């Protein structure tokens, strides 16, 4: 076999090995068994922790966007640039919405 044939054979073997590994991860351990063994409350507690972490990260990014938008608006206002002012106002509104996401989800009953 030449070099190209050996290389293709190795690539195929590695691809099959990775595919088998991924199938083993996906289908090897059903999550329902974990839920029954540990109890549904322990599983939902873990999901709640992840949800709180994501909401906190979104709120933190919202604060950054709010501060960035306010700084951009001040700069654009002093330069009398209406295009940058409107872009800065969009950042401020986006930051406020991101900060308010946990409250909005509570109002909608999603949490």
PDB file of N, CA and C in Angstrom:
ATOM      1  N   UNK A   1       0.836  -1.182   0.000  1.00  0.00           N
ATOM      2  CA  UNK A   1       0.000   0.000   0.000  1.00  0.00           C
ATOM      3  C   UNK A   1       0.880   1.245   0.000  1.00  0.00           C
ATOM      4  N   UNK A   2       0.435   2.242  -0.706  1.00  0.00           N
ATOM      5  CA  UNK A   2       1.217   3.478  -0.726  1.00  0.00           C
ATOM      6  C   UNK A   2       0.860   4.343   0.481  1.00  0.00           C
ATOM      7  N   UNK A   3       1.526   5.493   0.562  1.00  0.00           N
ATOM      8  CA  UNK A   3       1.325   6.379   1.717  1.00  0.00           C
ATOM      9  C   UNK A   3      -0.109   6.893   1.799  1.00  0.00           C
ATOM     10  N   UNK A   4      -0.657   7.240   0.644  1.00  0.00           N
ATOM     11  CA  UNK A   4      -2.009   7.787   0.632  1.00  0.00           C
ATOM     12  C   UNK A   4      -3.029   6.754   1.120  1.00  0.00           C
ATOM     13  N   UNK A   5      -2.872   5.512   0.714  1.00  0.00           N
ATOM     14  CA  UNK A   5      -3.786   4.451   1.138  1.00  0.00           C
ATOM     15  C   UNK A   5      -3.707   4.193   2.634  1.00  0.00           C
ATOM     16  N   UNK A   6      -2.497   4.202   3.184  1.00  0.00           N
ATOM     17  CA  UNK A   6      -2.343   4.000   4.631  1.00  0.00           C
ATOM     18  C   UNK A   6      -2.944   5.156   5.417  1.00  0.00           C
ATOM     19  N   UNK A   7      -2.767   6.382   4.885  1.00  0.00           N
ATOM     20  CA  UNK A   7      -3.327   7.550   5.564  1.00  0.00           C
ATOM     21  C   UNK A   7      -4.849   7.479   5.586  1.00  0.00           C
ATOM     22  N   UNK A   8      -5.448   7.134   4.447  1.00  0.00           N
ATOM     23  CA  UNK A   8      -6.905   7.006   4.396  1.00  0.00           C
ATOM     24  C   UNK A   8      -7.405   5.914   5.329  1.00  0.00           C
ATOM     25  N   UNK A   9      -6.687   4.816   5.429  1.00  0.00           N
ATOM     26  CA  UNK A   9      -7.076   3.731   6.325  1.00  0.00           C
ATOM     27  C   UNK A   9      -7.039   4.191   7.774  1.00  0.00           C
ATOM     28  N   UNK A  10      -5.994   4.914   8.148  1.00  0.00           N
ATOM     29  CA  UNK A  10      -5.904   5.425   9.528  1.00  0.00           C
ATOM     30  C   UNK A  10      -7.010   6.426   9.818  1.00  0.00           C
ATOM     31  N   UNK A  11      -7.317   7.292   8.852  1.00  0.00           N
ATOM     32  CA  UNK A  11      -8.380   8.277   9.057  1.00  0.00           C
ATOM     33  C   UNK A  11      -9.723   7.587   9.234  1.00  0.00           C
ATOM     34  N   UNK A  12      -9.986   6.582   8.406  1.00  0.00           N
ATOM     35  CA  UNK A  12     -11.243   5.836   8.528  1.00  0.00           C
ATOM     36  C   UNK A  12     -11.341   5.140   9.879  1.00  0.00           C
ATOM     37  N   UNK A  13     -10.264   4.552  10.328  1.00  0.00           N
ATOM     38  CA  UNK A  13     -10.274   3.844  11.611  1.00  0.00           C
ATOM     39  C   UNK A  13     -10.519   4.815  12.759  1.00  0.00           C
ATOM     40  N   UNK A  14      -9.864   5.955  12.712  1.00  0.00           N
ATOM     41  CA  UNK A  14     -10.066   6.941  13.782  1.00  0.00           C
ATOM     42  C   UNK A  14     -11.473   7.509  13.753  1.00  0.00           C
ATOM     43  N   UNK A  15     -12.008   7.732  12.550  1.00  0.00           N
ATOM     44  CA  UNK A  15     -13.371   8.248  12.436  1.00  0.00           C
ATOM     45  C   UNK A  15     -14.372   7.248  12.998  1.00  0.00           C
ATOM     46  N   UNK A  16     -14.191   5.978  12.678  1.00  0.00           N
ATOM     47  CA  UNK A  16     -15.076   4.947  13.224  1.00  0.00           C
ATOM     48  C   UNK A  16     -14.949   4.859  14.745  1.00  0.00           C
ATOM     49  N   UNK A  17     -13.735   4.983  15.245  1.00  0.00           N
ATOM     50  CA  UNK A  17     -13.537   4.938  16.695  1.00  0.00           C
ATOM     51  C   UNK A  17     -14.215   6.096  17.404  1.00  0.00           C
ATOM     52  N   UNK A  18     -14.079   7.284  16.844  1.00  0.00           N
ATOM     53  CA  UNK A  18     -14.733   8.453  17.443  1.00  0.00           C
ATOM     54  C   UNK A  18     -16.243   8.318  17.351  1.00  0.00           C
ATOM     55  N   UNK A  19     -16.744   7.827  16.214  1.00  0.00           N
ATOM     56  CA  UNK A  19     -18.180   7.627  16.063  1.00  0.00           C
ATOM     57  C   UNK A  19     -18.724   6.623  17.068  1.00  0.00           C
ATOM     58  N   UNK A  20     -18.001   5.538  17.272  1.00  0.00           N
ATOM     59  CA  UNK A  20     -18.427   4.539  18.248  1.00  0.00           C
ATOM     60  C   UNK A  20     -18.416   5.115  19.666  1.00  0.00           C
ATOM     61  N   UNK A  21     -17.414   5.929  19.964  1.00  0.00           N
ATOM     62  CA  UNK A  21     -17.339   6.561  21.285  1.00  0.00           C
ATOM     63  C   UNK A  21     -18.524   7.498  21.507  1.00  0.00           C
ATOM     64  N   UNK A  22     -18.852   8.309  20.490  1.00  0.00           N
ATOM     65  CA  UNK A  22     -19.969   9.243  20.618  1.00  0.00           C
ATOM     66  C   UNK A  22     -21.299   8.496  20.759  1.00  0.00           C
ATOM     67  N   UNK A  23     -21.463   7.409  20.017  1.00  0.00           N
ATOM     68  CA  UNK A  23     -22.683   6.610  20.158  1.00  0.00           C
ATOM     69  C   UNK A  23     -22.770   5.999  21.556  1.00  0.00           C
ATOM     70  N   UNK A  24     -21.643   5.568  22.077  1.00  0.00           N
ATOM     71  CA  UNK A  24     -21.630   5.028  23.425  1.00  0.00           C
ATOM     72  C   UNK A  24     -22.029   6.057  24.455  1.00  0.00           C
ATOM     73  N   UNK A  25     -21.567   7.296  24.260  1.00  0.00           N
ATOM     74  CA  UNK A  25     -21.962   8.364  25.177  1.00  0.00           C
ATOM     75  C   UNK A  25     -23.439   8.699  25.044  1.00  0.00           C
ATOM     76  N   UNK A  26     -23.920   8.746  23.812  1.00  0.00           N
ATOM     77  CA  UNK A  26     -25.301   9.161  23.581  1.00  0.00           C
ATOM     78  C   UNK A  26     -26.303   8.095  24.004  1.00  0.00           C
ATOM     79  N   UNK A  27     -26.012   6.843  23.709  1.00  0.00           N
ATOM     80  CA  UNK A  27     -26.998   5.796  23.933  1.00  0.00           C
ATOM     81  C   UNK A  27     -26.633   4.835  25.059  1.00  0.00           C
ATOM     82  N   UNK A  28     -25.466   4.958  25.617  1.00  0.00           N
ATOM     83  CA  UNK A  28     -24.995   3.997  26.595  1.00  0.00           C
ATOM     84  C   UNK A  28     -25.657   4.101  27.954  1.00  0.00           C
ATOM     85  N   UNK A  29     -25.921   5.319  28.418  1.00  0.00           N
ATOM     86  CA  UNK A  29     -26.492   5.493  29.748  1.00  0.00           C
ATOM     87  C   UNK A  29     -27.749   6.343  29.655  1.00  0.00           C
ATOM     88  N   UNK A  30     -28.899   5.734  29.771  1.00  0.00           N
ATOM     89  CA  UNK A  30     -30.130   6.514  29.685  1.00  0.00           C
ATOM     90  C   UNK A  30     -30.304   7.429  30.900  1.00  0.00           C
ATOM     91  N   UNK A  31     -30.722   8.653  30.643  1.00  0.00           N
ATOM     92  CA  UNK A  31     -30.881   9.621  31.727  1.00  0.00           C
ATOM     93  C   UNK A  31     -32.083   9.316  32.594  1.00  0.00           C
ATOM     94  N   UNK A  32     -33.046   8.566  32.078  1.00  0.00           N
ATOM     95  CA  UNK A  32     -34.223   8.218  32.863  1.00  0.00           C
ATOM     96  C   UNK A  32     -33.817   7.360  34.051  1.00  0.00           C
ATOM     97  N   UNK A  33     -32.830   6.504  33.857  1.00  0.00           N
ATOM     98  CA  UNK A  33     -32.374   5.659  34.961  1.00  0.00           C
ATOM     99  C   UNK A  33     -31.776   6.508  36.070  1.00  0.00           C
ATOM    100  N   UNK A  34     -31.036   7.550  35.708  1.00  0.00           N
ATOM    101  CA  UNK A  34     -30.489   8.438  36.727  1.00  0.00           C
ATOM    102  C   UNK A  34     -31.599   9.161  37.459  1.00  0.00           C
ATOM    103  N   UNK A  35     -32.626   9.591  36.738  1.00  0.00           N
ATOM    104  CA  UNK A  35     -33.722  10.311  37.371  1.00  0.00           C
ATOM    105  C   UNK A  35     -34.468   9.410  38.347  1.00  0.00           C
ATOM    106  N   UNK A  36     -34.613   8.128  37.995  1.00  0.00           N
ATOM    107  CA  UNK A  36     -35.321   7.222  38.896  1.00  0.00           C
ATOM    108  C   UNK A  36     -34.469   6.850  40.092  1.00  0.00           C
ATOM    109  N   UNK A  37     -33.165   6.710  39.903  1.00  0.00           N
ATOM    110  CA  UNK A  37     -32.301   6.337  41.007  1.00  0.00           C
ATOM    111  C   UNK A  37     -32.158   7.465  42.019  1.00  0.00           C
ATOM    112  N   UNK A  38     -31.949   8.667  41.547  1.00  0.00           N
ATOM    113  CA  UNK A  38     -31.680   9.778  42.453  1.00  0.00           C
ATOM    114  C   UNK A  38     -32.944  10.500  42.897  1.00  0.00           C
ATOM    115  N   UNK A  39     -33.980  10.385  42.170  1.00  0.00           N
ATOM    116  CA  UNK A  39     -35.187  11.111  42.484  1.00  0.00           C
ATOM    117  C   UNK A  39     -35.283  12.337  41.594  1.00  0.00           C
ATOM    118  N   UNK A  40     -36.493  12.660  41.243  1.00  0.00           N
ATOM    119  CA  UNK A  40     -36.722  13.756  40.318  1.00  0.00           C
ATOM    120  C   UNK A  40     -36.321  15.086  40.938  1.00  0.00           C
ATOM    121  N   UNK A  41     -36.470  15.236  42.226  1.00  0.00           N
ATOM    122  CA  UNK A  41     -36.159  16.520  42.861  1.00  0.00           C
ATOM    123  C   UNK A  41     -34.671  16.851  42.775  1.00  0.00           C
ATOM    124  N   UNK A  42     -33.818  15.850  42.882  1.00  0.00           N
ATOM    125  CA  UNK A  42     -32.379  16.118  42.784  1.00  0.00           C
ATOM    126  C   UNK A  42     -31.990  16.527  41.374  1.00  0.00           C
ATOM    127  N   UNK A  43     -32.641  15.957  40.384  1.00  0.00           N
ATOM    128  CA  UNK A  43     -32.345  16.316  38.999  1.00  0.00           C
ATOM    129  C   UNK A  43     -32.814  17.731  38.709  1.00  0.00           C
ATOM    130  N   UNK A  44     -34.017  18.072  39.154  1.00  0.00           N
ATOM    131  CA  UNK A  44     -34.532  19.417  38.902  1.00  0.00           C
ATOM    132  C   UNK A  44     -33.764  20.467  39.685  1.00  0.00           C
ATOM    133  N   UNK A  45     -33.200  20.109  40.826  1.00  0.00           N
ATOM    134  CA  UNK A  45     -32.372  21.067  41.565  1.00  0.00           C
ATOM    135  C   UNK A  45     -31.129  21.428  40.766  1.00  0.00           C
ATOM    136  N   UNK A  46     -30.533  20.461  40.114  1.00  0.00           N
ATOM    137  CA  UNK A  46     -29.374  20.730  39.270  1.00  0.00           C
ATOM    138  C   UNK A  46     -29.722  21.616  38.089  1.00  0.00           C
ATOM    139  N   UNK A  47     -30.889  21.374  37.510  1.00  0.00           N
ATOM    140  CA  UNK A  47     -31.330  22.209  36.393  1.00  0.00           C
ATOM    141  C   UNK A  47     -31.611  23.623  36.875  1.00  0.00           C
ATOM    142  N   UNK A  48     -32.173  23.767  38.063  1.00  0.00           N
ATOM    143  CA  UNK A  48     -32.444  25.094  38.616  1.00  0.00           C
ATOM    144  C   UNK A  48     -31.150  25.858  38.868  1.00  0.00           C
ATOM    145  N   UNK A  49     -30.113  25.177  39.312  1.00  0.00           N
ATOM    146  CA  UNK A  49     -28.827  25.829  39.532  1.00  0.00           C
ATOM    147  C   UNK A  49     -28.269  26.344  38.212  1.00  0.00           C
ATOM    148  N   UNK A  50     -28.349  25.518  37.162  1.00  0.00           N
ATOM    149  CA  UNK A  50     -27.883  25.950  35.844  1.00  0.00           C
ATOM    150  C   UNK A  50     -28.698  27.126  35.322  1.00  0.00           C
ATOM    151  N   UNK A  51     -30.007  27.092  35.539  1.00  0.00           N
ATOM    152  CA  UNK A  51     -30.877  28.182  35.095  1.00  0.00           C
ATOM    153  C   UNK A  51     -30.507  29.478  35.805  1.00  0.00           C
ATOM    154  N   UNK A  52     -30.282  29.401  37.104  1.00  0.00           N
ATOM    155  CA  UNK A  52     -29.898  30.592  37.853  1.00  0.00           C
ATOM    156  C   UNK A  52     -28.551  31.136  37.392  1.00  0.00           C
ATOM    157  N   UNK A  53     -27.627  30.238  37.077  1.00  0.00           N
ATOM    158  CA  UNK A  53     -26.319  30.656  36.588  1.00  0.00           C
ATOM    159  C   UNK A  53     -26.435  31.376  35.252  1.00  0.00           C
ATOM    160  N   UNK A  54     -27.239  30.838  34.343  1.00  0.00           N
ATOM    161  CA  UNK A  54     -27.421  31.469  33.035  1.00  0.00           C
ATOM    162  C   UNK A  54     -28.093  32.828  33.180  1.00  0.00           C
ATOM    163  N   UNK A  55     -29.105  32.918  34.028  1.00  0.00           N
ATOM    164  CA  UNK A  55     -29.788  34.197  34.225  1.00  0.00           C
ATOM    165  C   UNK A  55     -28.858  35.233  34.857  1.00  0.00           C
ATOM    166  N   UNK A  56     -27.991  34.803  35.763  1.00  0.00           N
ATOM    167  CA  UNK A  56     -27.037  35.724  36.357  1.00  0.00           C
ATOM    168  C   UNK A  56     -26.027  36.217  35.323  1.00  0.00           C
ATOM    169  N   UNK A  57     -25.590  35.323  34.444  1.00  0.00           N
ATOM    170  CA  UNK A  57     -24.656  35.726  33.380  1.00  0.00           C
ATOM    171  C   UNK A  57     -25.317  36.708  32.424  1.00  0.00           C
ATOM    172  N   UNK A  58     -26.569  36.457  32.067  1.00  0.00           N
ATOM    173  CA  UNK A  58     -27.286  37.376  31.177  1.00  0.00           C
ATOM    174  C   UNK A  58     -27.441  38.742  31.848  1.00  0.00           C
ATOM    175  N   UNK A  59     -27.750  38.757  33.134  1.00  0.00           N
ATOM    176  CA  UNK A  59     -27.859  40.025  33.854  1.00  0.00           C
ATOM    177  C   UNK A  59     -26.533  40.761  33.927  1.00  0.00           C
ATOM    178  N   UNK A  60     -25.446  40.036  34.128  1.00  0.00           N
ATOM    179  CA  UNK A  60     -24.124  40.659  34.166  1.00  0.00           C
ATOM    180  C   UNK A  60     -23.738  41.265  32.832  1.00  0.00           C
ATOM    181  N   UNK A  61     -24.018  40.557  31.749  1.00  0.00           N
ATOM    182  CA  UNK A  61     -23.750  41.104  30.416  1.00  0.00           C
ATOM    183  C   UNK A  61     -24.642  42.313  30.161  1.00  0.00           C
ATOM    184  N   UNK A  62     -25.857  42.280  30.675  1.00  0.00           N
ATOM    185  CA  UNK A  62     -26.764  43.423  30.540  1.00  0.00           C
ATOM    186  C   UNK A  62     -26.218  44.665  31.218  1.00  0.00           C
ATOM    187  N   UNK A  63     -25.616  44.502  32.387  1.00  0.00           N
ATOM    188  CA  UNK A  63     -25.005  45.640  33.079  1.00  0.00           C
ATOM    189  C   UNK A  63     -23.862  46.210  32.254  1.00  0.00           C
ATOM    190  N   UNK A  64     -23.077  45.335  31.658  1.00  0.00           N
ATOM    191  CA  UNK A  64     -21.967  45.794  30.812  1.00  0.00           C
ATOM    192  C   UNK A  64     -22.501  46.572  29.610  1.00  0.00           C
ATOM    193  N   UNK A  65     -23.542  46.041  28.958  1.00  0.00           N
ATOM    194  CA  UNK A  65     -24.127  46.742  27.817  1.00  0.00           C
ATOM    195  C   UNK A  65     -24.725  48.076  28.225  1.00  0.00           C
ATOM    196  N   UNK A  66     -25.351  48.117  29.380  1.00  0.00           N
ATOM    197  CA  UNK A  66     -25.929  49.370  29.862  1.00  0.00           C
ATOM    198  C   UNK A  66     -24.847  50.421  30.069  1.00  0.00           C
ATOM    199  N   UNK A  67     -23.761  50.058  30.737  1.00  0.00           N
ATOM    200  CA  UNK A  67     -22.670  51.008  30.969  1.00  0.00           C
ATOM    201  C   UNK A  67     -22.029  51.433  29.650  1.00  0.00           C
ATOM    202  N   UNK A  68     -21.819  50.481  28.758  1.00  0.00           N
ATOM    203  CA  UNK A  68     -21.224  50.775  27.457  1.00  0.00           C
ATOM    204  C   UNK A  68     -22.117  51.729  26.657  1.00  0.00           C
ATOM    205  N   UNK A  69     -23.430  51.470  26.675  1.00  0.00           N
ATOM    206  CA  UNK A  69     -24.368  52.333  25.957  1.00  0.00           C
ATOM    207  C   UNK A  69     -24.409  53.740  26.526  1.00  0.00           C
ATOM    208  N   UNK A  70     -24.352  53.849  27.859  1.00  0.00           N
ATOM    209  CA  UNK A  70     -24.356  55.184  28.469  1.00  0.00           C
ATOM    210  C   UNK A  70     -23.086  55.957  28.111  1.00  0.00           C
ATOM    211  N   UNK A  71     -21.951  55.275  28.114  1.00  0.00           N
ATOM    212  CA  UNK A  71     -20.708  55.943  27.721  1.00  0.00           C
ATOM    213  C   UNK A  71     -20.742  56.356  26.253  1.00  0.00           C
ATOM    214  N   UNK A  72     -21.241  55.485  25.396  1.00  0.00           N
ATOM    215  CA  UNK A  72     -21.357  55.831  23.981  1.00  0.00           C
ATOM    216  C   UNK A  72     -22.324  56.984  23.765  1.00  0.00           C
ATOM    217  N   UNK A  73     -23.420  56.998  24.519  1.00  0.00           N
ATOM    218  CA  UNK A  73     -24.378  58.089  24.367  1.00  0.00           C
ATOM    219  C   UNK A  73     -23.772  59.422  24.797  1.00  0.00           C
ATOM    220  N   UNK A  74     -23.023  59.402  25.891  1.00  0.00           N
ATOM    221  CA  UNK A  74     -22.369  60.647  26.324  1.00  0.00           C
ATOM    222  C   UNK A  74     -21.378  61.153  25.297  1.00  0.00           C
ATOM    223  N   UNK A  75     -20.618  60.250  24.719  1.00  0.00           N
ATOM    224  CA  UNK A  75     -19.651  60.634  23.683  1.00  0.00           C
ATOM    225  C   UNK A  75     -20.361  61.159  22.445  1.00  0.00           C
ATOM    226  N   UNK A  76     -21.421  60.478  22.018  1.00  0.00           N
ATOM    227  CA  UNK A  76     -22.155  60.903  20.829  1.00  0.00           C
ATOM    228  C   UNK A  76     -22.900  62.205  21.070  1.00  0.00           C
ATOM    229  N   UNK A  77     -23.389  62.410  22.273  1.00  0.00           N
ATOM    230  CA  UNK A  77     -24.113  63.644  22.597  1.00  0.00           C
ATOM    231  C   UNK A  77     -23.180  64.851  22.565  1.00  0.00           C
ATOM    232  N   UNK A  78     -21.977  64.667  23.078  1.00  0.00           N
ATOM    233  CA  UNK A  78     -21.026  65.780  23.063  1.00  0.00           C
ATOM    234  C   UNK A  78     -20.525  66.078  21.651  1.00  0.00           C
ATOM    235  N   UNK A  79     -20.531  65.072  20.774  1.00  0.00           N
ATOM    236  CA  UNK A  79     -20.088  65.276  19.391  1.00  0.00           C
ATOM    237  C   UNK A  79     -21.254  65.647  18.476  1.00  0.00           C
ATOM    238  N   UNK A  80     -22.472  65.686  18.979  1.00  0.00           N
ATOM    239  CA  UNK A  80     -23.678  66.003  18.210  1.00  0.00           C
ATOM    240  C   UNK A  80     -23.858  65.044  17.035  1.00  0.00           C
ATOM    241  N   UNK A  81     -23.611  63.751  17.268  1.00  0.00           N
ATOM    242  CA  UNK A  81     -23.736  62.724  16.235  1.00  0.00           C
ATOM    243  C   UNK A  81     -24.995  61.910  16.519  1.00  0.00           C
ATOM    244  N   UNK A  82     -26.057  62.174  15.767  1.00  0.00           N
ATOM    245  CA  UNK A  82     -27.345  61.523  16.046  1.00  0.00           C
ATOM    246  C   UNK A  82     -27.337  60.032  15.702  1.00  0.00           C
ATOM    247  N   UNK A  83     -26.539  59.640  14.728  1.00  0.00           N
ATOM    248  CA  UNK A  83     -26.478  58.223  14.377  1.00  0.00           C
ATOM    249  C   UNK A  83     -25.898  57.406  15.523  1.00  0.00           C
ATOM    250  N   UNK A  84     -24.812  57.900  16.107  1.00  0.00           N
ATOM    251  CA  UNK A  84     -24.214  57.187  17.248  1.00  0.00           C
ATOM    252  C   UNK A  84     -25.099  57.282  18.486  1.00  0.00           C
ATOM    253  N   UNK A  85     -25.852  58.375  18.610  1.00  0.00           N
ATOM    254  CA  UNK A  85     -26.768  58.489  19.737  1.00  0.00           C
ATOM    255  C   UNK A  85     -27.846  57.408  19.665  1.00  0.00           C
ATOM    256  N   UNK A  86     -28.404  57.192  18.478  1.00  0.00           N
ATOM    257  CA  UNK A  86     -29.447  56.166  18.358  1.00  0.00           C
ATOM    258  C   UNK A  86     -28.872  54.771  18.594  1.00  0.00           C
ATOM    259  N   UNK A  87     -27.648  54.525  18.134  1.00  0.00           N
ATOM    260  CA  UNK A  87     -27.010  53.229  18.393  1.00  0.00           C
ATOM    261  C   UNK A  87     -26.765  53.041  19.885  1.00  0.00           C
ATOM    262  N   UNK A  88     -26.367  54.117  20.561  1.00  0.00           N
ATOM    263  CA  UNK A  88     -26.119  54.036  22.003  1.00  0.00           C
ATOM    264  C   UNK A  88     -27.417  53.805  22.769  1.00  0.00           C
ATOM    265  N   UNK A  89     -28.494  54.412  22.320  1.00  0.00           N
ATOM    266  CA  UNK A  89     -29.785  54.203  22.986  1.00  0.00           C
ATOM    267  C   UNK A  89     -30.226  52.751  22.816  1.00  0.00           C
ATOM    268  N   UNK A  90     -29.959  52.163  21.644  1.00  0.00           N
ATOM    269  CA  UNK A  90     -30.282  50.744  21.446  1.00  0.00           C
ATOM    270  C   UNK A  90     -29.489  49.873  22.407  1.00  0.00           C
ATOM    271  N   UNK A  91     -28.221  50.205  22.649  1.00  0.00           N
ATOM    272  CA  UNK A  91     -27.413  49.435  23.606  1.00  0.00           C
ATOM    273  C   UNK A  91     -27.976  49.565  25.012  1.00  0.00           C
ATOM    274  N   UNK A  92     -28.383  50.783  25.375  1.00  0.00           N
ATOM    275  CA  UNK A  92     -28.928  51.004  26.719  1.00  0.00           C
ATOM    276  C   UNK A  92     -30.213  50.196  26.907  1.00  0.00           C
ATOM    277  N   UNK A  93     -31.106  50.254  25.916  1.00  0.00           N
ATOM    278  CA  UNK A  93     -32.369  49.514  26.014  1.00  0.00           C
ATOM    279  C   UNK A  93     -32.103  48.008  26.037  1.00  0.00           C
ATOM    280  N   UNK A  94     -31.182  47.548  25.206  1.00  0.00           N
ATOM    281  CA  UNK A  94     -30.829  46.130  25.226  1.00  0.00           C
ATOM    282  C   UNK A  94     -30.263  45.706  26.568  1.00  0.00           C
ATOM    283  N   UNK A  95     -29.413  46.540  27.163  1.00  0.00           N
ATOM    284  CA  UNK A  95     -28.867  46.233  28.481  1.00  0.00           C
ATOM    285  C   UNK A  95     -29.942  46.182  29.546  1.00  0.00           C
ATOM    286  N   UNK A  96     -30.897  47.113  29.479  1.00  0.00           N
ATOM    287  CA  UNK A  96     -31.990  47.112  30.455  1.00  0.00           C
ATOM    288  C   UNK A  96     -32.856  45.862  30.312  1.00  0.00           C
ATOM    289  N   UNK A  97     -33.099  45.450  29.076  1.00  0.00           N
ATOM    290  CA  UNK A  97     -33.891  44.235  28.860  1.00  0.00           C
ATOM    291  C   UNK A  97     -33.146  43.019  29.396  1.00  0.00           C
ATOM    292  N   UNK A  98     -31.833  42.966  29.155  1.00  0.00           N
ATOM    293  CA  UNK A  98     -31.054  41.824  29.646  1.00  0.00           C
ATOM    294  C   UNK A  98     -31.032  41.786  31.167  1.00  0.00           C
ATOM    295  N   UNK A  99     -30.981  42.943  31.786  1.00  0.00           N
ATOM    296  CA  UNK A  99     -31.008  42.987  33.250  1.00  0.00           C
ATOM    297  C   UNK A  99     -32.360  42.522  33.774  1.00  0.00           C
ATOM    298  N   UNK A 100     -33.429  42.839  33.037  1.00  0.00           N
ATOM    299  CA  UNK A 100     -34.781  42.528  33.499  1.00  0.00           C
ATOM    300  C   UNK A 100     -35.256  41.136  33.116  1.00  0.00           C
ATOM    301  N   UNK A 101     -34.444  40.337  32.423  1.00  0.00           N
ATOM    302  CA  UNK A 101     -34.877  39.008  31.963  1.00  0.00           C
ATOM    303  C   UNK A 101     -35.377  38.122  33.111  1.00  0.00           C
ATOM    304  N   UNK A 102     -34.701  38.033  34.248  1.00  0.00           N
ATOM    305  CA  UNK A 102     -35.244  37.179  35.323  1.00  0.00           C
ATOM    306  C   UNK A 102     -36.633  37.625  35.794  1.00  0.00           C
ATOM    307  N   UNK A 103     -36.836  38.931  35.902  1.00  0.00           N
ATOM    308  CA  UNK A 103     -38.142  39.436  36.326  1.00  0.00           C
ATOM    309  C   UNK A 103     -39.206  39.183  35.277  1.00  0.00           C
ATOM    310  N   UNK A 104     -38.823  39.337  34.010  1.00  0.00           N
ATOM    311  CA  UNK A 104     -39.783  39.094  32.917  1.00  0.00           C
ATOM    312  C   UNK A 104     -40.190  37.620  32.907  1.00  0.00           C
ATOM    313  N   UNK A 105     -39.223  36.729  33.110  1.00  0.00           N
ATOM    314  CA  UNK A 105     -39.559  35.296  33.146  1.00  0.00           C
ATOM    315  C   UNK A 105     -40.448  34.959  34.337  1.00  0.00           C
ATOM    316  N   UNK A 106     -40.246  35.608  35.472  1.00  0.00           N
ATOM    317  CA  UNK A 106     -41.118  35.371  36.630  1.00  0.00           C
ATOM    318  C   UNK A 106     -42.538  35.853  36.346  1.00  0.00           C
ATOM    319  N   UNK A 107     -42.662  37.025  35.665  1.00  0.00           N
ATOM    320  CA  UNK A 107     -43.985  37.527  35.317  1.00  0.00           C
ATOM    321  C   UNK A 107     -44.706  36.597  34.356  1.00  0.00           C
ATOM    322  N   UNK A 108     -43.975  36.007  33.431  1.00  0.00           N
ATOM    323  CA  UNK A 108     -44.573  35.084  32.474  1.00  0.00           C
ATOM    324  C   UNK A 108     -44.845  33.704  33.077  1.00  0.00           C
ATOM    325  N   UNK A 109     -44.283  33.453  34.243  1.00  0.00           N
ATOM    326  CA  UNK A 109     -44.485  32.176  34.907  1.00  0.00           C
ATOM    327  C   UNK A 109     -43.575  31.070  34.393  1.00  0.00           C
ATOM    328  N   UNK A 110     -42.490  31.462  33.743  1.00  0.00           N
ATOM    329  CA  UNK A 110     -41.579  30.465  33.183  1.00  0.00           C
ATOM    330  C   UNK A 110     -40.614  29.916  34.222  1.00  0.00           C
ATOM    331  N   UNK A 111     -40.447  30.577  35.340  1.00  0.00           N
ATOM    332  CA  UNK A 111     -39.502  30.085  36.341  1.00  0.00           C
ATOM    333  C   UNK A 111     -40.215  29.604  37.567  1.00  0.00           C
TER     334      UNK A 111
END
